[in-house]
Amino acid sequence: MSVGRVKARVEQAEIPMLRAYRLWFEHTRKCGGCKGVAAAQDGCETGRELWGAYRLARIGRTP
């Protein structure tokens, strides 16, 4: 099995809640409006949307 196929299988196996959290986390590391805020709700609009998607995924709903 090639490396590309293995990577594709790993990406498919990613749990939706963890994917949503990863997307939010990666955003906050790069976004000036989200860095250093006390709560996720205090970040930029995109950050708040990503956090909302994570919260929905955490309880088993899709955004």
N, C-alpha and C. Protein backbone atom coordinates (compact mmCIF):
# COMPACT_ATOMS: atom_id res chain seq x y z
N MET A 1 0.86 -1.17 0.00
CA MET A 1 0.00 0.00 0.00
C MET A 1 0.90 1.24 0.00
N SER A 2 0.59 2.19 -0.85
CA SER A 2 1.43 3.38 -0.96
C SER A 2 1.16 4.34 0.20
N VAL A 3 2.06 5.27 0.39
CA VAL A 3 1.95 6.25 1.47
C VAL A 3 0.70 7.10 1.29
N GLY A 4 0.38 7.47 0.06
CA GLY A 4 -0.81 8.27 -0.21
C GLY A 4 -2.09 7.57 0.21
N ARG A 5 -2.17 6.27 -0.03
CA ARG A 5 -3.36 5.51 0.36
C ARG A 5 -3.47 5.38 1.87
N VAL A 6 -2.35 5.20 2.54
CA VAL A 6 -2.36 5.09 4.00
C VAL A 6 -2.83 6.42 4.59
N LYS A 7 -2.31 7.52 4.08
CA LYS A 7 -2.71 8.84 4.58
C LYS A 7 -4.19 9.07 4.34
N ALA A 8 -4.70 8.68 3.19
CA ALA A 8 -6.12 8.85 2.89
C ALA A 8 -6.98 8.06 3.87
N ARG A 9 -6.56 6.88 4.22
CA ARG A 9 -7.33 6.08 5.18
C ARG A 9 -7.30 6.69 6.57
N VAL A 10 -6.18 7.25 6.94
CA VAL A 10 -6.08 7.90 8.25
C VAL A 10 -6.99 9.12 8.29
N GLU A 11 -7.02 9.91 7.23
CA GLU A 11 -7.87 11.09 7.20
C GLU A 11 -9.34 10.72 7.24
N GLN A 12 -9.73 9.62 6.62
CA GLN A 12 -11.12 9.19 6.64
C GLN A 12 -11.53 8.74 8.03
N ALA A 13 -10.59 8.24 8.79
CA ALA A 13 -10.90 7.71 10.11
C ALA A 13 -10.96 8.79 11.18
N GLU A 14 -10.71 10.04 10.82
CA GLU A 14 -10.70 11.11 11.81
C GLU A 14 -12.11 11.33 12.36
N ILE A 15 -12.22 11.36 13.66
CA ILE A 15 -13.50 11.55 14.34
C ILE A 15 -13.97 12.98 14.10
N PRO A 16 -15.24 13.18 13.73
CA PRO A 16 -15.73 14.52 13.42
C PRO A 16 -15.48 15.55 14.52
N MET A 17 -15.64 15.15 15.77
CA MET A 17 -15.41 16.09 16.88
C MET A 17 -13.94 16.52 16.91
N LEU A 18 -13.02 15.57 16.72
CA LEU A 18 -11.61 15.91 16.74
C LEU A 18 -11.21 16.74 15.53
N ARG A 19 -11.83 16.49 14.39
CA ARG A 19 -11.55 17.28 13.20
C ARG A 19 -11.99 18.72 13.43
N ALA A 20 -13.18 18.91 13.98
CA ALA A 20 -13.69 20.26 14.24
C ALA A 20 -12.79 20.99 15.22
N TYR A 21 -12.35 20.29 16.26
CA TYR A 21 -11.45 20.92 17.23
C TYR A 21 -10.12 21.27 16.59
N ARG A 22 -9.58 20.38 15.76
CA ARG A 22 -8.31 20.65 15.09
C ARG A 22 -8.41 21.87 14.19
N LEU A 23 -9.50 21.98 13.43
CA LEU A 23 -9.68 23.14 12.56
C LEU A 23 -9.74 24.43 13.37
N TRP A 24 -10.47 24.41 14.49
CA TRP A 24 -10.54 25.59 15.35
C TRP A 24 -9.17 25.91 15.92
N PHE A 25 -8.46 24.90 16.42
CA PHE A 25 -7.15 25.10 17.04
C PHE A 25 -6.16 25.67 16.04
N GLU A 26 -6.13 25.11 14.82
CA GLU A 26 -5.22 25.62 13.80
C GLU A 26 -5.55 27.07 13.45
N HIS A 27 -6.83 27.40 13.41
CA HIS A 27 -7.24 28.77 13.12
C HIS A 27 -6.75 29.72 14.21
N THR A 28 -6.94 29.35 15.46
CA THR A 28 -6.57 30.26 16.56
C THR A 28 -5.06 30.48 16.63
N ARG A 29 -4.27 29.53 16.19
CA ARG A 29 -2.82 29.72 16.21
C ARG A 29 -2.38 30.75 15.19
N LYS A 30 -3.15 30.92 14.10
CA LYS A 30 -2.76 31.81 13.01
C LYS A 30 -3.48 33.16 13.05
N CYS A 31 -4.62 33.24 13.71
CA CYS A 31 -5.47 34.42 13.65
C CYS A 31 -5.10 35.41 14.76
N GLY A 32 -4.86 36.66 14.37
CA GLY A 32 -4.54 37.69 15.35
C GLY A 32 -5.71 38.03 16.25
N GLY A 33 -6.94 37.89 15.75
CA GLY A 33 -8.12 38.20 16.55
C GLY A 33 -8.47 37.12 17.55
N CYS A 34 -7.92 35.92 17.37
CA CYS A 34 -8.24 34.81 18.27
C CYS A 34 -7.11 34.49 19.25
N LYS A 35 -5.91 34.95 18.95
CA LYS A 35 -4.77 34.66 19.83
C LYS A 35 -4.94 35.39 21.15
N GLY A 36 -4.74 34.70 22.22
CA GLY A 36 -4.70 35.32 23.53
C GLY A 36 -6.03 35.72 24.13
N VAL A 37 -7.15 35.33 23.52
CA VAL A 37 -8.45 35.66 24.12
C VAL A 37 -8.76 34.66 25.23
N ALA A 38 -9.52 35.11 26.20
CA ALA A 38 -9.82 34.27 27.36
C ALA A 38 -10.82 33.16 27.03
N ALA A 39 -11.74 33.42 26.12
CA ALA A 39 -12.77 32.43 25.76
C ALA A 39 -12.90 32.38 24.24
N ALA A 40 -13.27 31.21 23.74
CA ALA A 40 -13.42 31.04 22.29
C ALA A 40 -14.46 32.00 21.73
N GLN A 41 -15.46 32.34 22.51
CA GLN A 41 -16.52 33.24 22.05
C GLN A 41 -16.03 34.67 21.88
N ASP A 42 -14.85 34.98 22.39
CA ASP A 42 -14.30 36.33 22.28
C ASP A 42 -13.42 36.51 21.05
N GLY A 43 -13.26 35.47 20.24
CA GLY A 43 -12.41 35.52 19.06
C GLY A 43 -13.13 36.17 17.88
N CYS A 44 -12.52 36.06 16.70
CA CYS A 44 -13.11 36.63 15.49
C CYS A 44 -14.34 35.81 15.06
N GLU A 45 -15.02 36.29 14.05
CA GLU A 45 -16.25 35.62 13.60
C GLU A 45 -15.98 34.20 13.11
N THR A 46 -14.92 34.03 12.35
CA THR A 46 -14.58 32.70 11.85
C THR A 46 -14.24 31.77 13.01
N GLY A 47 -13.50 32.27 13.97
CA GLY A 47 -13.16 31.47 15.15
C GLY A 47 -14.39 31.05 15.93
N ARG A 48 -15.34 31.97 16.07
CA ARG A 48 -16.59 31.63 16.77
C ARG A 48 -17.39 30.59 16.01
N GLU A 49 -17.40 30.69 14.67
CA GLU A 49 -18.10 29.70 13.85
C GLU A 49 -17.45 28.32 13.98
N LEU A 50 -16.12 28.29 13.96
CA LEU A 50 -15.42 27.01 14.11
C LEU A 50 -15.66 26.42 15.49
N TRP A 51 -15.68 27.26 16.51
CA TRP A 51 -15.94 26.76 17.87
C TRP A 51 -17.37 26.23 17.95
N GLY A 52 -18.32 26.91 17.32
CA GLY A 52 -19.71 26.44 17.30
C GLY A 52 -19.83 25.10 16.61
N ALA A 53 -19.10 24.92 15.51
CA ALA A 53 -19.10 23.64 14.81
C ALA A 53 -18.54 22.54 15.70
N TYR A 54 -17.49 22.86 16.45
CA TYR A 54 -16.92 21.89 17.39
C TYR A 54 -17.93 21.51 18.46
N ARG A 55 -18.62 22.48 19.02
CA ARG A 55 -19.60 22.20 20.07
C ARG A 55 -20.73 21.32 19.56
N LEU A 56 -21.17 21.58 18.32
CA LEU A 56 -22.21 20.72 17.74
C LEU A 56 -21.69 19.31 17.49
N ALA A 57 -20.48 19.20 16.98
CA ALA A 57 -19.89 17.87 16.74
C ALA A 57 -19.70 17.12 18.05
N ARG A 58 -19.40 17.84 19.11
CA ARG A 58 -19.17 17.20 20.40
C ARG A 58 -20.44 16.52 20.93
N ILE A 59 -21.60 17.10 20.64
CA ILE A 59 -22.85 16.49 21.10
C ILE A 59 -23.49 15.61 20.03
N GLY A 60 -22.79 15.43 18.91
CA GLY A 60 -23.25 14.50 17.89
C GLY A 60 -24.12 15.10 16.81
N ARG A 61 -24.16 16.39 16.71
CA ARG A 61 -24.92 17.05 15.64
C ARG A 61 -23.96 17.57 14.59
N THR A 62 -24.47 17.72 13.37
CA THR A 62 -23.64 18.28 12.31
C THR A 62 -23.97 19.76 12.16
N PRO A 63 -22.94 20.55 11.83
CA PRO A 63 -23.19 22.00 11.69
C PRO A 63 -24.02 22.34 10.48
